mmCIF file of all heavy atoms, coordinates in Angstrom:
data_MODEL
# 
_entry.id   MODEL 
# 
loop_
_atom_site.group_PDB 
_atom_site.id 
_atom_site.type_symbol 
_atom_site.label_atom_id 
_atom_site.label_alt_id 
_atom_site.label_comp_id 
_atom_site.label_asym_id 
_atom_site.label_entity_id 
_atom_site.label_seq_id 
_atom_site.pdbx_PDB_ins_code 
_atom_site.Cartn_x 
_atom_site.Cartn_y 
_atom_site.Cartn_z 
_atom_site.occupancy 
_atom_site.B_iso_or_equiv 
_atom_site.pdbx_formal_charge 
_atom_site.auth_seq_id 
_atom_site.auth_comp_id 
_atom_site.auth_asym_id 
_atom_site.auth_atom_id 
_atom_site.pdbx_PDB_model_num 
ATOM 1   N N   . ILE A 1 1  ? -132.960 43.247 102.960 1.00 0.00 ? 1  ILE A N   1 
ATOM 2   C CA  . ILE A 1 1  ? -133.253 42.893 101.480 1.00 0.00 ? 1  ILE A CA  1 
ATOM 3   C C   . ILE A 1 1  ? -132.123 42.015 100.951 1.00 0.00 ? 1  ILE A C   1 
ATOM 4   O O   . ILE A 1 1  ? -132.411 41.040 100.348 1.00 0.00 ? 1  ILE A O   1 
ATOM 5   C CB  . ILE A 1 1  ? -133.491 44.203 100.741 1.00 0.00 ? 1  ILE A CB  1 
ATOM 6   C CG1 . ILE A 1 1  ? -134.783 44.784 101.207 1.00 0.00 ? 1  ILE A CG1 1 
ATOM 7   C CG2 . ILE A 1 1  ? -133.513 43.824 99.230  1.00 0.00 ? 1  ILE A CG2 1 
ATOM 8   C CD1 . ILE A 1 1  ? -135.207 46.075 100.491 1.00 0.00 ? 1  ILE A CD1 1 
ATOM 9   N N   . GLU A 1 2  ? -130.925 42.504 101.266 1.00 0.00 ? 2  GLU A N   1 
ATOM 10  C CA  . GLU A 1 2  ? -129.724 41.620 100.798 1.00 0.00 ? 2  GLU A CA  1 
ATOM 11  C C   . GLU A 1 2  ? -129.785 40.250 101.457 1.00 0.00 ? 2  GLU A C   1 
ATOM 12  O O   . GLU A 1 2  ? -129.508 39.242 100.803 1.00 0.00 ? 2  GLU A O   1 
ATOM 13  C CB  . GLU A 1 2  ? -128.464 42.253 101.119 1.00 0.00 ? 2  GLU A CB  1 
ATOM 14  C CG  . GLU A 1 2  ? -128.224 43.565 100.333 1.00 0.00 ? 2  GLU A CG  1 
ATOM 15  C CD  . GLU A 1 2  ? -127.019 44.401 100.994 1.00 0.00 ? 2  GLU A CD  1 
ATOM 16  O OE1 . GLU A 1 2  ? -126.790 44.327 102.232 1.00 0.00 ? 2  GLU A OE1 1 
ATOM 17  O OE2 . GLU A 1 2  ? -126.446 45.192 100.236 1.00 0.00 ? 2  GLU A OE2 1 
ATOM 18  N N   . LEU A 1 3  ? -130.139 40.225 102.729 1.00 0.00 ? 3  LEU A N   1 
ATOM 19  C CA  . LEU A 1 3  ? -130.197 38.960 103.502 1.00 0.00 ? 3  LEU A CA  1 
ATOM 20  C C   . LEU A 1 3  ? -131.201 38.068 102.881 1.00 0.00 ? 3  LEU A C   1 
ATOM 21  O O   . LEU A 1 3  ? -130.995 36.893 102.661 1.00 0.00 ? 3  LEU A O   1 
ATOM 22  C CB  . LEU A 1 3  ? -130.514 39.215 105.010 1.00 0.00 ? 3  LEU A CB  1 
ATOM 23  C CG  . LEU A 1 3  ? -130.499 38.002 105.868 1.00 0.00 ? 3  LEU A CG  1 
ATOM 24  C CD1 . LEU A 1 3  ? -129.088 37.357 105.896 1.00 0.00 ? 3  LEU A CD1 1 
ATOM 25  C CD2 . LEU A 1 3  ? -130.893 38.409 107.305 1.00 0.00 ? 3  LEU A CD2 1 
ATOM 26  N N   . GLY A 1 4  ? -132.437 38.672 102.506 1.00 0.00 ? 4  GLY A N   1 
ATOM 27  C CA  . GLY A 1 4  ? -133.519 37.888 101.969 1.00 0.00 ? 4  GLY A CA  1 
ATOM 28  C C   . GLY A 1 4  ? -133.126 37.325 100.565 1.00 0.00 ? 4  GLY A C   1 
ATOM 29  O O   . GLY A 1 4  ? -133.382 36.104 100.260 1.00 0.00 ? 4  GLY A O   1 
ATOM 30  N N   . LYS A 1 5  ? -132.448 38.126 99.744  1.00 0.00 ? 5  LYS A N   1 
ATOM 31  C CA  . LYS A 1 5  ? -131.967 37.668 98.421  1.00 0.00 ? 5  LYS A CA  1 
ATOM 32  C C   . LYS A 1 5  ? -130.896 36.518 98.599  1.00 0.00 ? 5  LYS A C   1 
ATOM 33  O O   . LYS A 1 5  ? -130.939 35.580 97.899  1.00 0.00 ? 5  LYS A O   1 
ATOM 34  C CB  . LYS A 1 5  ? -131.372 38.846 97.590  1.00 0.00 ? 5  LYS A CB  1 
ATOM 35  C CG  . LYS A 1 5  ? -132.401 39.757 97.083  1.00 0.00 ? 5  LYS A CG  1 
ATOM 36  C CD  . LYS A 1 5  ? -131.937 40.572 95.936  1.00 0.00 ? 5  LYS A CD  1 
ATOM 37  C CE  . LYS A 1 5  ? -132.865 41.531 95.328  1.00 0.00 ? 5  LYS A CE  1 
ATOM 38  N NZ  . LYS A 1 5  ? -134.275 41.113 95.261  1.00 0.00 ? 5  LYS A NZ  1 
ATOM 39  N N   . THR A 1 6  ? -130.027 36.730 99.549  1.00 0.00 ? 6  THR A N   1 
ATOM 40  C CA  . THR A 1 6  ? -129.017 35.725 99.831  1.00 0.00 ? 6  THR A CA  1 
ATOM 41  C C   . THR A 1 6  ? -129.696 34.355 100.251 1.00 0.00 ? 6  THR A C   1 
ATOM 42  O O   . THR A 1 6  ? -129.302 33.300 99.857  1.00 0.00 ? 6  THR A O   1 
ATOM 43  C CB  . THR A 1 6  ? -127.978 36.220 100.884 1.00 0.00 ? 6  THR A CB  1 
ATOM 44  O OG1 . THR A 1 6  ? -127.353 37.385 100.405 1.00 0.00 ? 6  THR A OG1 1 
ATOM 45  C CG2 . THR A 1 6  ? -126.933 35.139 101.248 1.00 0.00 ? 6  THR A CG2 1 
ATOM 46  N N   . GLY A 1 7  ? -130.661 34.496 101.166 1.00 0.00 ? 7  GLY A N   1 
ATOM 47  C CA  . GLY A 1 7  ? -131.383 33.347 101.650 1.00 0.00 ? 7  GLY A CA  1 
ATOM 48  C C   . GLY A 1 7  ? -132.082 32.616 100.532 1.00 0.00 ? 7  GLY A C   1 
ATOM 49  O O   . GLY A 1 7  ? -132.028 31.375 100.477 1.00 0.00 ? 7  GLY A O   1 
ATOM 50  N N   . GLU A 1 8  ? -132.675 33.390 99.575  1.00 0.00 ? 8  GLU A N   1 
ATOM 51  C CA  . GLU A 1 8  ? -133.394 32.709 98.420  1.00 0.00 ? 8  GLU A CA  1 
ATOM 52  C C   . GLU A 1 8  ? -132.366 31.961 97.587  1.00 0.00 ? 8  GLU A C   1 
ATOM 53  O O   . GLU A 1 8  ? -132.698 30.860 97.100  1.00 0.00 ? 8  GLU A O   1 
ATOM 54  C CB  . GLU A 1 8  ? -134.176 33.759 97.659  1.00 0.00 ? 8  GLU A CB  1 
ATOM 55  C CG  . GLU A 1 8  ? -135.461 34.203 98.265  1.00 0.00 ? 8  GLU A CG  1 
ATOM 56  C CD  . GLU A 1 8  ? -136.219 35.160 97.408  1.00 0.00 ? 8  GLU A CD  1 
ATOM 57  O OE1 . GLU A 1 8  ? -136.069 35.263 96.196  1.00 0.00 ? 8  GLU A OE1 1 
ATOM 58  O OE2 . GLU A 1 8  ? -137.187 35.802 98.038  1.00 0.00 ? 8  GLU A OE2 1 
ATOM 59  N N   . GLU A 1 9  ? -131.202 32.545 97.401  1.00 0.00 ? 9  GLU A N   1 
ATOM 60  C CA  . GLU A 1 9  ? -130.187 31.908 96.619  1.00 0.00 ? 9  GLU A CA  1 
ATOM 61  C C   . GLU A 1 9  ? -129.749 30.634 97.279  1.00 0.00 ? 9  GLU A C   1 
ATOM 62  O O   . GLU A 1 9  ? -129.590 29.544 96.625  1.00 0.00 ? 9  GLU A O   1 
ATOM 63  C CB  . GLU A 1 9  ? -129.014 32.906 96.382  1.00 0.00 ? 9  GLU A CB  1 
ATOM 64  C CG  . GLU A 1 9  ? -128.074 32.533 95.237  1.00 0.00 ? 9  GLU A CG  1 
ATOM 65  C CD  . GLU A 1 9  ? -128.722 32.408 93.854  1.00 0.00 ? 9  GLU A CD  1 
ATOM 66  O OE1 . GLU A 1 9  ? -129.719 33.265 93.593  1.00 0.00 ? 9  GLU A OE1 1 
ATOM 67  O OE2 . GLU A 1 9  ? -128.356 31.586 93.100  1.00 0.00 ? 9  GLU A OE2 1 
ATOM 68  N N   . ILE A 1 10 ? -129.530 30.645 98.545  1.00 0.00 ? 10 ILE A N   1 
ATOM 69  C CA  . ILE A 1 10 ? -129.118 29.517 99.313  1.00 0.00 ? 10 ILE A CA  1 
ATOM 70  C C   . ILE A 1 10 ? -130.237 28.422 99.265  1.00 0.00 ? 10 ILE A C   1 
ATOM 71  O O   . ILE A 1 10 ? -129.928 27.237 98.977  1.00 0.00 ? 10 ILE A O   1 
ATOM 72  C CB  . ILE A 1 10 ? -128.907 29.835 100.788 1.00 0.00 ? 10 ILE A CB  1 
ATOM 73  C CG1 . ILE A 1 10 ? -127.636 30.719 100.914 1.00 0.00 ? 10 ILE A CG1 1 
ATOM 74  C CG2 . ILE A 1 10 ? -128.803 28.575 101.676 1.00 0.00 ? 10 ILE A CG2 1 
ATOM 75  C CD1 . ILE A 1 10 ? -127.483 31.379 102.332 1.00 0.00 ? 10 ILE A CD1 1 
ATOM 76  N N   . ALA A 1 11 ? -131.529 28.773 99.423  1.00 0.00 ? 11 ALA A N   1 
ATOM 77  C CA  . ALA A 1 11 ? -132.632 27.770 99.369  1.00 0.00 ? 11 ALA A CA  1 
ATOM 78  C C   . ALA A 1 11 ? -132.712 27.194 97.916  1.00 0.00 ? 11 ALA A C   1 
ATOM 79  O O   . ALA A 1 11 ? -132.912 26.026 97.770  1.00 0.00 ? 11 ALA A O   1 
ATOM 80  C CB  . ALA A 1 11 ? -133.951 28.532 99.705  1.00 0.00 ? 11 ALA A CB  1 
ATOM 81  N N   . PHE A 1 12 ? -132.589 28.014 96.948  1.00 0.00 ? 12 PHE A N   1 
ATOM 82  C CA  . PHE A 1 12 ? -132.699 27.641 95.532  1.00 0.00 ? 12 PHE A CA  1 
ATOM 83  C C   . PHE A 1 12 ? -131.647 26.559 95.234  1.00 0.00 ? 12 PHE A C   1 
ATOM 84  O O   . PHE A 1 12 ? -131.916 25.505 94.773  1.00 0.00 ? 12 PHE A O   1 
ATOM 85  C CB  . PHE A 1 12 ? -132.392 28.832 94.591  1.00 0.00 ? 12 PHE A CB  1 
ATOM 86  C CG  . PHE A 1 12 ? -132.531 28.479 93.145  1.00 0.00 ? 12 PHE A CG  1 
ATOM 87  C CD1 . PHE A 1 12 ? -133.687 28.257 92.568  1.00 0.00 ? 12 PHE A CD1 1 
ATOM 88  C CD2 . PHE A 1 12 ? -131.328 28.430 92.363  1.00 0.00 ? 12 PHE A CD2 1 
ATOM 89  C CE1 . PHE A 1 12 ? -133.790 28.002 91.189  1.00 0.00 ? 12 PHE A CE1 1 
ATOM 90  C CE2 . PHE A 1 12 ? -131.476 28.060 91.064  1.00 0.00 ? 12 PHE A CE2 1 
ATOM 91  C CZ  . PHE A 1 12 ? -132.702 27.935 90.429  1.00 0.00 ? 12 PHE A CZ  1 
ATOM 92  N N   . ASN A 1 13 ? -130.302 26.826 95.590  1.00 0.00 ? 13 ASN A N   1 
ATOM 93  C CA  . ASN A 1 13 ? -129.284 25.889 95.401  1.00 0.00 ? 13 ASN A CA  1 
ATOM 94  C C   . ASN A 1 13 ? -129.434 24.617 96.225  1.00 0.00 ? 13 ASN A C   1 
ATOM 95  O O   . ASN A 1 13 ? -129.204 23.465 95.802  1.00 0.00 ? 13 ASN A O   1 
ATOM 96  C CB  . ASN A 1 13 ? -127.946 26.512 95.563  1.00 0.00 ? 13 ASN A CB  1 
ATOM 97  C CG  . ASN A 1 13 ? -127.619 27.542 94.494  1.00 0.00 ? 13 ASN A CG  1 
ATOM 98  O OD1 . ASN A 1 13 ? -127.861 27.261 93.347  1.00 0.00 ? 13 ASN A OD1 1 
ATOM 99  N ND2 . ASN A 1 13 ? -127.111 28.657 94.928  1.00 0.00 ? 13 ASN A ND2 1 
ATOM 100 N N   . TYR A 1 14 ? -129.895 24.761 97.435  1.00 0.00 ? 14 TYR A N   1 
ATOM 101 C CA  . TYR A 1 14 ? -130.197 23.643 98.332  1.00 0.00 ? 14 TYR A CA  1 
ATOM 102 C C   . TYR A 1 14 ? -131.202 22.688 97.766  1.00 0.00 ? 14 TYR A C   1 
ATOM 103 O O   . TYR A 1 14 ? -131.025 21.449 97.719  1.00 0.00 ? 14 TYR A O   1 
ATOM 104 C CB  . TYR A 1 14 ? -130.680 24.169 99.661  1.00 0.00 ? 14 TYR A CB  1 
ATOM 105 C CG  . TYR A 1 14 ? -131.098 23.102 100.671 1.00 0.00 ? 14 TYR A CG  1 
ATOM 106 C CD1 . TYR A 1 14 ? -130.224 22.486 101.494 1.00 0.00 ? 14 TYR A CD1 1 
ATOM 107 C CD2 . TYR A 1 14 ? -132.425 22.802 100.828 1.00 0.00 ? 14 TYR A CD2 1 
ATOM 108 C CE1 . TYR A 1 14 ? -130.510 21.463 102.322 1.00 0.00 ? 14 TYR A CE1 1 
ATOM 109 C CE2 . TYR A 1 14 ? -132.908 21.877 101.731 1.00 0.00 ? 14 TYR A CE2 1 
ATOM 110 C CZ  . TYR A 1 14 ? -131.880 21.196 102.521 1.00 0.00 ? 14 TYR A CZ  1 
ATOM 111 O OH  . TYR A 1 14 ? -132.290 20.194 103.414 1.00 0.00 ? 14 TYR A OH  1 
ATOM 112 N N   . LEU A 1 15 ? -132.260 23.257 97.156  1.00 0.00 ? 15 LEU A N   1 
ATOM 113 C CA  . LEU A 1 15 ? -133.334 22.318 96.556  1.00 0.00 ? 15 LEU A CA  1 
ATOM 114 C C   . LEU A 1 15 ? -132.888 21.833 95.287  1.00 0.00 ? 15 LEU A C   1 
ATOM 115 O O   . LEU A 1 15 ? -133.168 20.605 94.958  1.00 0.00 ? 15 LEU A O   1 
ATOM 116 C CB  . LEU A 1 15 ? -134.641 23.156 96.428  1.00 0.00 ? 15 LEU A CB  1 
ATOM 117 C CG  . LEU A 1 15 ? -135.290 23.487 97.798  1.00 0.00 ? 15 LEU A CG  1 
ATOM 118 C CD1 . LEU A 1 15 ? -136.406 24.482 97.615  1.00 0.00 ? 15 LEU A CD1 1 
ATOM 119 C CD2 . LEU A 1 15 ? -135.818 22.216 98.582  1.00 0.00 ? 15 LEU A CD2 1 
ATOM 120 N N   . LEU A 1 16 ? -132.107 22.538 94.470  1.00 0.00 ? 16 LEU A N   1 
ATOM 121 C CA  . LEU A 1 16 ? -131.521 21.970 93.233  1.00 0.00 ? 16 LEU A CA  1 
ATOM 122 C C   . LEU A 1 16 ? -130.659 20.774 93.586  1.00 0.00 ? 16 LEU A C   1 
ATOM 123 O O   . LEU A 1 16 ? -130.721 19.695 92.871  1.00 0.00 ? 16 LEU A O   1 
ATOM 124 C CB  . LEU A 1 16 ? -130.766 22.979 92.414  1.00 0.00 ? 16 LEU A CB  1 
ATOM 125 C CG  . LEU A 1 16 ? -131.432 24.087 91.688  1.00 0.00 ? 16 LEU A CG  1 
ATOM 126 C CD1 . LEU A 1 16 ? -130.420 24.922 90.992  1.00 0.00 ? 16 LEU A CD1 1 
ATOM 127 C CD2 . LEU A 1 16 ? -132.428 23.457 90.652  1.00 0.00 ? 16 LEU A CD2 1 
ATOM 128 N N   . ASN A 1 17 ? -129.875 20.888 94.674  1.00 0.00 ? 17 ASN A N   1 
ATOM 129 C CA  . ASN A 1 17 ? -129.055 19.777 95.054  1.00 0.00 ? 17 ASN A CA  1 
ATOM 130 C C   . ASN A 1 17 ? -129.833 18.549 95.478  1.00 0.00 ? 17 ASN A C   1 
ATOM 131 O O   . ASN A 1 17 ? -129.294 17.447 95.479  1.00 0.00 ? 17 ASN A O   1 
ATOM 132 C CB  . ASN A 1 17 ? -128.084 20.193 96.146  1.00 0.00 ? 17 ASN A CB  1 
ATOM 133 C CG  . ASN A 1 17 ? -126.969 21.099 95.577  1.00 0.00 ? 17 ASN A CG  1 
ATOM 134 O OD1 . ASN A 1 17 ? -126.598 21.072 94.490  1.00 0.00 ? 17 ASN A OD1 1 
ATOM 135 N ND2 . ASN A 1 17 ? -126.398 21.971 96.486  1.00 0.00 ? 17 ASN A ND2 1 
ATOM 136 N N   . LYS A 1 18 ? -131.034 18.740 95.931  1.00 0.00 ? 18 LYS A N   1 
ATOM 137 C CA  . LYS A 1 18 ? -131.950 17.590 96.282  1.00 0.00 ? 18 LYS A CA  1 
ATOM 138 C C   . LYS A 1 18 ? -132.748 17.062 95.094  1.00 0.00 ? 18 LYS A C   1 
ATOM 139 O O   . LYS A 1 18 ? -133.614 16.413 95.213  1.00 0.00 ? 18 LYS A O   1 
ATOM 140 C CB  . LYS A 1 18 ? -132.920 18.126 97.336  1.00 0.00 ? 18 LYS A CB  1 
ATOM 141 C CG  . LYS A 1 18 ? -132.297 18.284 98.784  1.00 0.00 ? 18 LYS A CG  1 
ATOM 142 C CD  . LYS A 1 18 ? -133.306 18.856 99.810  1.00 0.00 ? 18 LYS A CD  1 
ATOM 143 C CE  . LYS A 1 18 ? -134.089 17.787 100.388 1.00 0.00 ? 18 LYS A CE  1 
ATOM 144 N NZ  . LYS A 1 18 ? -134.968 18.259 101.621 1.00 0.00 ? 18 LYS A NZ  1 
ATOM 145 N N   . GLN A 1 19 ? -132.266 17.542 93.882  1.00 0.00 ? 19 GLN A N   1 
ATOM 146 C CA  . GLN A 1 19 ? -132.895 17.052 92.621  1.00 0.00 ? 19 GLN A CA  1 
ATOM 147 C C   . GLN A 1 19 ? -134.303 17.685 92.370  1.00 0.00 ? 19 GLN A C   1 
ATOM 148 O O   . GLN A 1 19 ? -135.061 17.076 91.574  1.00 0.00 ? 19 GLN A O   1 
ATOM 149 C CB  . GLN A 1 19 ? -133.001 15.540 92.520  1.00 0.00 ? 19 GLN A CB  1 
ATOM 150 C CG  . GLN A 1 19 ? -131.610 14.824 92.836  1.00 0.00 ? 19 GLN A CG  1 
ATOM 151 C CD  . GLN A 1 19 ? -130.540 15.307 91.888  1.00 0.00 ? 19 GLN A CD  1 
ATOM 152 O OE1 . GLN A 1 19 ? -130.657 15.389 90.664  1.00 0.00 ? 19 GLN A OE1 1 
ATOM 153 N NE2 . GLN A 1 19 ? -129.342 15.788 92.491  1.00 0.00 ? 19 GLN A NE2 1 
ATOM 154 N N   . TYR A 1 20 ? -134.624 18.734 92.966  1.00 0.00 ? 20 TYR A N   1 
ATOM 155 C CA  . TYR A 1 20 ? -135.841 19.488 92.645  1.00 0.00 ? 20 TYR A CA  1 
ATOM 156 C C   . TYR A 1 20 ? -135.669 20.218 91.354  1.00 0.00 ? 20 TYR A C   1 
ATOM 157 O O   . TYR A 1 20 ? -134.537 20.664 91.002  1.00 0.00 ? 20 TYR A O   1 
ATOM 158 C CB  . TYR A 1 20 ? -136.181 20.446 93.693  1.00 0.00 ? 20 TYR A CB  1 
ATOM 159 C CG  . TYR A 1 20 ? -136.805 19.888 95.017  1.00 0.00 ? 20 TYR A CG  1 
ATOM 160 C CD1 . TYR A 1 20 ? -136.196 18.845 95.694  1.00 0.00 ? 20 TYR A CD1 1 
ATOM 161 C CD2 . TYR A 1 20 ? -137.964 20.440 95.459  1.00 0.00 ? 20 TYR A CD2 1 
ATOM 162 C CE1 . TYR A 1 20 ? -136.725 18.363 96.817  1.00 0.00 ? 20 TYR A CE1 1 
ATOM 163 C CE2 . TYR A 1 20 ? -138.540 19.942 96.664  1.00 0.00 ? 20 TYR A CE2 1 
ATOM 164 C CZ  . TYR A 1 20 ? -137.895 18.924 97.341  1.00 0.00 ? 20 TYR A CZ  1 
ATOM 165 O OH  . TYR A 1 20 ? -138.464 18.455 98.488  1.00 0.00 ? 20 TYR A OH  1 
ATOM 166 N N   . LYS A 1 21 ? -136.659 20.313 90.517  1.00 0.00 ? 21 LYS A N   1 
ATOM 167 C CA  . LYS A 1 21 ? -136.606 20.926 89.230  1.00 0.00 ? 21 LYS A CA  1 
ATOM 168 C C   . LYS A 1 21 ? -137.242 22.378 89.323  1.00 0.00 ? 21 LYS A C   1 
ATOM 169 O O   . LYS A 1 21 ? -138.447 22.484 89.648  1.00 0.00 ? 21 LYS A O   1 
ATOM 170 C CB  . LYS A 1 21 ? -137.384 20.121 88.176  1.00 0.00 ? 21 LYS A CB  1 
ATOM 171 C CG  . LYS A 1 21 ? -137.322 20.656 86.772  1.00 0.00 ? 21 LYS A CG  1 
ATOM 172 C CD  . LYS A 1 21 ? -138.145 19.812 85.820  1.00 0.00 ? 21 LYS A CD  1 
ATOM 173 C CE  . LYS A 1 21 ? -138.512 20.619 84.581  1.00 0.00 ? 21 LYS A CE  1 
ATOM 174 N NZ  . LYS A 1 21 ? -139.784 20.293 83.994  1.00 0.00 ? 21 LYS A NZ  1 
ATOM 175 N N   . SER A 1 22 ? -136.435 23.345 89.028  1.00 0.00 ? 22 SER A N   1 
ATOM 176 C CA  . SER A 1 22 ? -136.835 24.676 89.181  1.00 0.00 ? 22 SER A CA  1 
ATOM 177 C C   . SER A 1 22 ? -137.899 25.093 88.046  1.00 0.00 ? 22 SER A C   1 
ATOM 178 O O   . SER A 1 22 ? -137.619 24.843 86.857  1.00 0.00 ? 22 SER A O   1 
ATOM 179 C CB  . SER A 1 22 ? -135.677 25.637 89.119  1.00 0.00 ? 22 SER A CB  1 
ATOM 180 O OG  . SER A 1 22 ? -136.125 27.015 89.143  1.00 0.00 ? 22 SER A OG  1 
ATOM 181 N N   . LEU A 1 23 ? -138.994 25.645 88.406  1.00 0.00 ? 23 LEU A N   1 
ATOM 182 C CA  . LEU A 1 23 ? -139.939 26.180 87.454  1.00 0.00 ? 23 LEU A CA  1 
ATOM 183 C C   . LEU A 1 23 ? -140.057 27.662 87.422  1.00 0.00 ? 23 LEU A C   1 
ATOM 184 O O   . LEU A 1 23 ? -140.226 28.230 86.359  1.00 0.00 ? 23 LEU A O   1 
ATOM 185 C CB  . LEU A 1 23 ? -141.394 25.611 87.751  1.00 0.00 ? 23 LEU A CB  1 
ATOM 186 C CG  . LEU A 1 23 ? -141.532 24.077 87.750  1.00 0.00 ? 23 LEU A CG  1 
ATOM 187 C CD1 . LEU A 1 23 ? -142.996 23.742 88.097  1.00 0.00 ? 23 LEU A CD1 1 
ATOM 188 C CD2 . LEU A 1 23 ? -141.166 23.485 86.415  1.00 0.00 ? 23 LEU A CD2 1 
ATOM 189 N N   . ASN A 1 24 ? -139.852 28.264 88.627  1.00 0.00 ? 24 ASN A N   1 
ATOM 190 C CA  . ASN A 1 24 ? -140.053 29.707 88.623  1.00 0.00 ? 24 ASN A CA  1 
ATOM 191 C C   . ASN A 1 24 ? -139.487 30.329 89.910  1.00 0.00 ? 24 ASN A C   1 
ATOM 192 O O   . ASN A 1 24 ? -139.405 29.636 90.914  1.00 0.00 ? 24 ASN A O   1 
ATOM 193 C CB  . ASN A 1 24 ? -141.505 30.100 88.521  1.00 0.00 ? 24 ASN A CB  1 
ATOM 194 C CG  . ASN A 1 24 ? -141.774 31.360 87.761  1.00 0.00 ? 24 ASN A CG  1 
ATOM 195 O OD1 . ASN A 1 24 ? -141.197 32.389 88.034  1.00 0.00 ? 24 ASN A OD1 1 
ATOM 196 N ND2 . ASN A 1 24 ? -142.588 31.246 86.766  1.00 0.00 ? 24 ASN A ND2 1 
# 
């Protein structure tokens, strides 16, 4: 569960850095 949450955080920041706009 911790690994999953960490992975989601990594993916979230990775996509933000690619100029993706977060909706949800």
